[in-house]
Protein backbone atom coordinates (compact mmCIF):
# COMPACT_ATOMS: atom_id res chain seq x y z
CA MET A 1 11.25 -37.88 19.26
CA LEU A 2 11.89 -34.84 17.06
CA ALA A 3 8.20 -33.94 16.96
CA GLU A 4 8.17 -33.95 20.78
CA TRP A 5 11.27 -31.79 21.17
CA LEU A 6 9.32 -28.61 21.82
CA SER A 7 7.14 -30.10 24.55
CA THR A 8 9.97 -31.98 26.25
CA THR A 9 12.09 -28.84 26.19
CA LEU A 10 9.38 -26.79 27.86
CA ASP A 11 8.67 -29.56 30.36
CA GLY A 12 12.36 -29.66 31.27
CA ALA A 13 12.42 -33.39 30.59
CA PRO A 14 15.71 -35.04 29.57
CA ALA A 15 16.00 -35.60 25.84
CA ALA A 16 18.18 -37.77 23.63
CA ASN A 17 21.26 -36.05 22.25
CA GLY A 18 20.20 -36.67 18.68
CA GLY A 19 18.81 -39.06 16.11
CA THR A 20 18.01 -39.55 12.45
CA LEU A 21 15.26 -38.18 10.22
CA PRO A 22 14.49 -38.41 6.50
CA GLY A 23 17.41 -36.79 4.69
CA GLY A 24 19.75 -36.43 7.64
CA ARG A 25 20.04 -36.28 11.39
CA TYR A 26 19.49 -33.92 14.29
CA ARG A 27 21.51 -32.90 17.33
CA ILE A 28 20.30 -31.25 20.52
CA LEU A 29 22.94 -28.66 21.36
CA GLY A 30 21.43 -27.40 24.60
CA PRO A 31 18.10 -26.23 26.05
CA GLY A 32 16.02 -24.89 23.18
CA LEU A 33 18.78 -25.45 20.61
CA LEU A 34 18.25 -28.01 17.84
CA GLU A 35 20.52 -28.50 14.82
CA LEU A 36 19.25 -30.31 11.70
CA LEU A 37 22.03 -31.68 9.49
CA PRO A 38 21.34 -33.00 5.95
CA ALA A 39 23.12 -36.19 4.95
CA ALA A 40 24.27 -34.68 1.64
CA PRO A 41 23.53 -30.95 1.51
CA SER A 42 23.68 -29.26 -1.86
CA PRO A 43 26.31 -26.52 -2.24
CA THR A 44 23.42 -24.15 -2.95
CA ALA A 45 21.62 -24.93 0.33
CA PRO A 46 21.53 -22.01 2.77
CA ALA A 47 22.56 -22.08 6.41
CA LEU A 48 19.15 -21.46 7.94
CA VAL A 49 18.23 -20.21 11.42
CA ILE A 50 14.58 -20.35 12.53
CA SER A 51 13.81 -18.93 15.97
CA ALA A 52 10.63 -18.50 17.99
CA GLY A 53 9.69 -17.74 21.57
CA ILE A 54 12.10 -14.84 22.03
CA HIS A 55 9.06 -13.35 23.75
CA GLY A 56 7.44 -16.02 25.90
CA ASN A 57 3.80 -15.12 25.30
CA GLU A 58 4.04 -15.36 21.49
CA THR A 59 2.89 -18.92 20.94
CA ALA A 60 1.68 -19.21 17.33
CA PRO A 61 5.24 -19.36 15.92
CA ILE A 62 6.08 -22.15 18.38
CA GLU A 63 3.08 -24.15 17.17
CA LEU A 64 4.17 -23.45 13.58
CA LEU A 65 7.62 -24.82 14.38
CA GLY A 66 6.10 -27.88 16.00
CA ASP A 67 4.19 -28.64 12.81
CA LEU A 68 7.37 -28.23 10.72
CA LEU A 69 9.33 -30.64 12.92
CA ALA A 70 6.51 -33.18 12.93
CA ARG A 71 6.40 -33.14 9.13
CA LEU A 72 10.15 -33.67 8.97
CA GLU A 73 10.06 -36.61 11.34
CA ALA A 74 7.09 -38.19 9.54
CA GLY A 75 8.90 -38.04 6.20
CA ARG A 76 6.49 -35.53 4.67
CA LEU A 77 9.50 -33.24 4.27
CA THR A 78 13.08 -34.21 3.44
CA LEU A 79 15.85 -32.23 5.07
CA GLY A 80 18.00 -30.42 2.52
CA ALA A 81 19.54 -27.42 4.31
CA PRO A 82 21.54 -27.21 7.55
CA THR A 83 19.13 -25.61 10.01
CA LEU A 84 19.41 -24.27 13.54
CA VAL A 85 16.04 -24.24 15.34
CA ILE A 86 15.90 -22.02 18.43
CA LEU A 87 13.32 -21.82 21.17
CA GLY A 88 14.25 -18.52 22.80
CA ASN A 89 13.14 -17.47 26.27
CA LEU A 90 12.26 -20.83 27.85
CA GLU A 91 11.38 -19.52 31.31
CA ALA A 92 9.11 -16.83 29.88
CA ILE A 93 7.39 -19.39 27.61
CA ARG A 94 6.75 -21.63 30.63
CA ALA A 95 5.34 -18.66 32.55
CA GLY A 96 3.29 -17.37 29.60
CA THR A 97 4.87 -13.92 29.95
CA ARG A 98 6.65 -11.66 27.48
CA PHE A 99 9.87 -11.82 29.53
CA VAL A 100 11.15 -12.68 33.00
CA GLU A 101 13.24 -9.61 33.89
CA THR A 102 13.70 -7.58 30.71
CA ASN A 103 13.02 -7.66 26.97
CA LEU A 104 15.33 -10.33 25.50
CA ASN A 105 14.93 -8.90 22.01
CA ARG A 106 16.97 -5.79 22.85
CA LEU A 107 20.09 -7.62 24.11
CA PHE A 108 21.68 -9.18 21.02
CA ARG A 109 24.88 -7.20 20.95
CA ARG A 110 28.45 -8.40 21.22
CA GLY A 111 30.17 -7.25 24.38
CA LEU A 112 26.90 -7.31 26.32
CA ASP A 113 27.77 -6.73 29.98
CA ALA A 114 24.27 -6.85 31.46
CA GLU A 115 23.39 -9.46 34.05
CA GLY A 116 20.27 -11.51 34.65
CA HIS A 117 18.20 -14.24 33.07
CA GLU A 118 17.60 -12.63 29.68
CA ALA A 119 21.19 -11.37 29.39
CA ASP A 120 22.53 -14.87 30.04
CA ARG A 121 20.14 -16.34 27.47
CA ALA A 122 21.10 -13.70 24.89
CA ARG A 123 24.76 -14.68 25.25
CA GLU A 124 23.87 -18.37 24.85
CA LEU A 125 21.90 -17.70 21.69
CA MET A 126 24.54 -15.42 20.17
CA THR A 127 27.18 -18.08 20.80
CA ALA A 128 24.99 -20.73 19.16
CA VAL A 129 24.37 -18.58 16.06
CA ASP A 130 28.07 -17.71 15.78
CA ALA A 131 29.07 -21.37 15.95
CA PHE A 132 26.39 -22.43 13.45
CA PHE A 133 27.25 -19.85 10.81
CA THR A 134 30.99 -20.46 11.30
CA HIS A 135 30.55 -24.22 10.90
CA HIS A 136 28.59 -23.65 7.68
CA SER A 137 30.76 -20.85 6.34
CA GLY A 138 30.57 -20.28 2.61
CA ARG A 139 26.82 -20.78 2.51
CA ARG A 140 24.33 -17.94 2.13
CA ARG A 141 22.76 -17.20 5.48
CA ILE A 142 19.10 -16.77 6.33
CA HIS A 143 17.46 -16.06 9.71
CA HIS A 144 13.72 -15.92 10.25
CA ASP A 145 12.84 -14.82 13.80
CA LEU A 146 9.14 -15.58 14.27
CA HIS A 147 6.98 -13.40 16.51
CA THR A 148 3.42 -12.24 17.09
CA ALA A 149 2.45 -8.69 18.06
CA ILE A 150 0.80 -7.63 21.31
CA ARG A 151 -1.99 -5.77 19.48
CA ASP A 152 -4.11 -5.87 16.33
CA SER A 153 -2.65 -4.53 13.10
CA GLN A 154 -3.88 -3.10 9.83
CA TYR A 155 -1.36 -5.57 8.35
CA PRO A 156 -1.58 -8.65 10.62
CA ARG A 157 1.46 -10.31 9.04
CA PHE A 158 4.45 -8.06 8.48
CA ALA A 159 8.23 -8.23 8.36
CA VAL A 160 10.73 -5.94 10.05
CA GLU A 161 13.96 -5.63 8.07
CA PRO A 162 16.83 -4.88 10.48
CA PHE A 163 19.14 -1.99 9.74
CA ALA A 164 22.46 -2.91 8.08
CA GLU A 165 24.66 -1.69 5.27
CA ALA A 166 24.11 -4.85 3.20
CA ALA A 167 21.02 -4.80 1.00
CA THR A 168 18.45 -7.58 1.26
CA PRO A 169 18.54 -9.83 -1.85
CA ASP A 170 15.59 -9.17 -4.16
CA GLU A 171 14.30 -12.75 -4.07
CA GLN A 172 13.77 -12.50 -0.32
CA TRP A 173 11.02 -9.92 -0.87
CA ARG A 174 9.32 -12.14 -3.45
CA TRP A 175 9.51 -15.10 -1.06
CA LEU A 176 7.95 -13.08 1.76
CA ALA A 177 5.18 -11.91 -0.55
CA GLY A 178 4.63 -15.55 -1.54
CA ALA A 179 4.32 -16.38 2.17
CA ASP A 180 1.46 -13.85 2.43
CA ILE A 181 3.45 -11.25 4.35
CA GLN A 182 1.44 -8.09 3.86
CA ALA A 183 3.89 -5.33 4.77
CA VAL A 184 7.57 -4.62 5.38
CA LEU A 185 9.08 -2.14 7.81
CA HIS A 186 12.64 -0.95 7.11
CA GLN A 187 14.49 -0.18 10.35
CA HIS A 188 16.41 3.11 10.35
CA THR A 189 19.13 2.35 12.91
CA HIS A 190 20.71 -0.47 14.90
CA SER A 191 18.10 -2.10 17.12
CA TRP A 192 19.99 -5.09 18.68
CA THR A 193 17.18 -7.55 18.03
CA PHE A 194 17.91 -11.21 17.28
CA SER A 195 17.37 -10.81 13.54
CA HIS A 196 19.53 -7.68 13.58
CA TYR A 197 22.32 -9.72 15.18
CA SER A 198 22.39 -12.18 12.30
CA LYS A 199 22.26 -9.47 9.66
CA HIS A 200 24.70 -7.06 11.29
CA TYR A 201 27.37 -9.54 12.40
CA HIS A 202 26.92 -12.33 9.85
CA GLY A 203 25.50 -10.68 6.73
CA ALA A 204 22.42 -12.90 6.82
CA ALA A 205 19.16 -12.17 5.06
CA ALA A 206 17.33 -11.75 8.35
CA PHE A 207 13.86 -10.61 9.38
CA THR A 208 11.67 -10.25 12.43
CA LEU A 209 8.38 -11.71 11.22
CA GLU A 210 5.21 -10.62 13.01
CA LEU A 211 2.59 -13.32 12.39
CA GLY A 212 -0.64 -12.07 13.90
CA ARG A 213 -1.47 -11.36 17.53
CA ALA A 214 -0.03 -12.95 20.69
CA LEU A 215 -2.43 -15.50 22.18
CA PRO A 216 -2.08 -18.41 24.64
CA PHE A 217 -1.29 -21.91 23.42
CA GLY A 218 -4.32 -23.58 21.86
CA GLU A 219 -6.06 -20.32 20.94
CA ASN A 220 -4.13 -19.61 17.72
CA ASP A 221 -5.69 -19.80 14.27
CA LEU A 222 -2.79 -21.19 12.24
CA ALA A 223 -4.68 -21.16 8.92
CA PRO A 224 -3.48 -17.64 7.96
CA LEU A 225 0.09 -18.77 8.70
CA ALA A 226 0.00 -21.74 6.31
CA PRO A 227 1.85 -19.83 3.55
CA MET A 228 4.63 -18.98 6.05
CA GLY A 229 4.78 -22.65 7.00
CA THR A 230 5.12 -23.46 3.30
CA LEU A 231 8.04 -21.01 2.98
CA LEU A 232 9.84 -22.49 5.99
CA ALA A 233 9.33 -26.00 4.58
CA ALA A 234 10.78 -24.95 1.22
CA LEU A 235 13.84 -23.42 2.88
CA VAL A 236 14.41 -26.50 5.06
CA GLU A 237 14.12 -28.77 2.01
CA ASN A 238 16.26 -26.43 -0.13
CA ARG A 239 13.73 -26.07 -2.91
CA PRO A 240 12.50 -22.87 -4.58
CA PRO A 241 9.89 -21.11 -2.43
CA ALA A 242 6.66 -19.75 -3.85
CA GLU A 243 6.97 -16.17 -5.10
CA ARG A 244 4.69 -13.21 -5.65
CA PRO A 245 5.48 -9.71 -6.88
CA THR A 246 7.12 -7.43 -4.35
CA ALA A 247 4.48 -4.81 -5.13
CA ASP A 248 1.90 -7.07 -3.42
CA MET A 249 3.30 -5.85 -0.09
CA ALA A 250 3.19 -2.38 1.47
CA PHE A 251 6.58 -0.95 2.46
CA PHE A 252 7.33 1.51 5.25
CA ARG A 253 10.39 3.24 6.66
CA VAL A 254 10.94 4.31 10.25
CA GLU A 255 10.99 8.10 10.52
CA HIS A 256 11.13 8.53 14.30
CA GLU A 257 11.46 6.44 17.44
CA LEU A 258 9.55 7.44 20.56
CA LYS A 259 11.35 6.54 23.80
CA ARG A 260 10.17 6.63 27.36
CA HIS A 261 12.48 8.79 29.49
CA ALA A 262 10.16 9.70 32.37
CA GLU A 263 7.96 7.78 34.81
CA ASP A 264 4.93 9.81 33.71
CA PHE A 265 5.48 9.15 29.99
CA ARG A 266 2.25 8.58 28.10
CA LEU A 267 1.04 7.94 24.57
CA CYS A 268 -1.80 10.26 23.56
CA PHE A 269 -3.99 7.65 21.88
CA ALA A 270 -5.96 4.59 22.92
CA ASP A 271 -4.10 1.56 24.26
CA ASP A 272 -5.79 -0.69 21.70
CA THR A 273 -4.75 1.39 18.67
CA PRO A 274 -3.77 -1.08 15.91
CA ASN A 275 -0.30 -1.14 14.40
CA PHE A 276 0.04 1.05 11.27
CA THR A 277 -2.73 3.45 12.32
CA GLU A 278 -2.12 6.78 10.58
CA PHE A 279 -2.09 10.14 12.39
CA ALA A 280 -2.56 13.47 10.65
CA PRO A 281 -0.17 16.44 10.87
CA GLY A 282 -0.55 18.34 14.13
CA THR A 283 -1.61 15.29 16.15
CA ARG A 284 0.07 15.03 19.56
CA LEU A 285 1.29 11.45 20.00
CA ALA A 286 3.32 11.40 23.21
CA GLU A 287 4.13 13.38 26.34
CA ASP A 288 7.26 12.89 28.42
CA ALA A 289 8.51 15.00 31.36
CA VAL A 290 12.07 14.74 30.04
CA ASP A 291 11.65 14.87 26.25
CA GLY A 292 8.48 16.94 26.21
CA ALA A 293 5.62 16.39 23.75
CA PHE A 294 5.88 14.85 20.30
CA THR A 295 3.57 16.18 17.59
CA VAL A 296 3.27 14.94 14.00
CA GLY A 297 4.88 17.38 11.59
CA GLU A 298 3.84 18.21 8.04
CA THR A 299 3.69 14.60 6.85
CA PRO A 300 1.28 11.99 8.27
CA LEU A 301 2.88 9.21 10.30
CA ARG A 302 1.77 5.70 11.22
CA VAL A 303 2.46 4.10 14.58
CA VAL A 304 3.95 0.61 15.02
CA PHE A 305 4.68 -1.29 18.26
CA PRO A 306 3.20 1.32 20.63
CA ASN A 307 3.70 0.36 24.27
CA ALA A 308 3.77 3.07 26.94
CA ALA A 309 4.59 0.56 29.69
CA VAL A 310 8.15 -0.17 28.53
CA GLU A 311 11.15 0.29 30.82
CA ILE A 312 12.71 3.75 31.20
CA GLY A 313 14.98 4.37 28.21
CA ALA A 314 13.26 1.78 26.03
CA ARG A 315 11.39 2.28 22.77
CA ALA A 316 7.72 3.10 23.23
CA ALA A 317 6.72 3.29 19.55
CA LEU A 318 8.00 3.52 16.01
CA LEU A 319 6.62 6.19 13.69
CA VAL A 320 6.74 5.24 10.03
CA SER A 321 5.87 6.47 6.55
CA ALA A 322 5.15 4.64 3.30
CA VAL A 323 7.89 4.11 0.72
CA ALA A 324 8.05 2.42 -2.68
CA PRO A 325 8.82 -1.30 -2.94
CA PRO A 326 12.56 -1.98 -3.42
CA ASP A 327 12.25 -3.04 -7.04
CA GLU A 328 10.40 0.17 -7.90
CA THR A 329 13.02 2.59 -6.57
CA ASP A 330 15.71 4.18 -8.71
């Protein structure tokens, strides 16, 4: 039953309220909300949130989750950490679209007064995360929000570290390197993404993890994601994850955020430009009737998440520069 939870959820079929699995039990809390509860969790076990499908067309993470749940139910893994599994934007997943009305991954903010499908779902997911972390208070908190990007990338697998005052624990970087994450992007300001919610409001070690390119179900090559699957399995079992040196990853910091303020906004480079492409000083990157043109200054910049077709007022690209790995800074 647990292995079929993803498909039954997307089919809208009724599901049992819960059941048992090796090492514990599970409870279905609502549509797309699954809680895994160890029978005898160690005091050192984290409270773990794993989410996927916040954007409905990003299917590889959902398939990765399906494999994890199947291994748990088959007894190939033994549950050791309380875990909340979230399937995000159900209607968008069913439709195979990024969203239904608006980008869900910009709405995770307390006091949200927006209306509509994604706003309602954001409130449901925030409530679920609040209840989960409150119920497991006293445990260290981890949230991995799994995504895929809409374009190719010079680093196909990279992590976005949300902005917050609390520093990310050093072992998290080694774990990500061990999961074959190739790059890390430090956010420079509040972004109101799902991972930011867990870090900002709950002090969790939280990341948005970009795991390749968005493709339809059945077209994903999951082989490059096997190390990430191994990391998730280790966290769920509460055993030490594989590690590699932090220096094995490239690190970047956001220097500027391009926003679309006009209908005739445009990015001055090809639509298929890969993430982390570098632009030399003097290169014009964007034109906007309200903000005017943006040109690279004296230092080269790389572009991440470019998308000229975003809503008015939304982010159209991040411009980043390289920085030293955390354990190499003063």
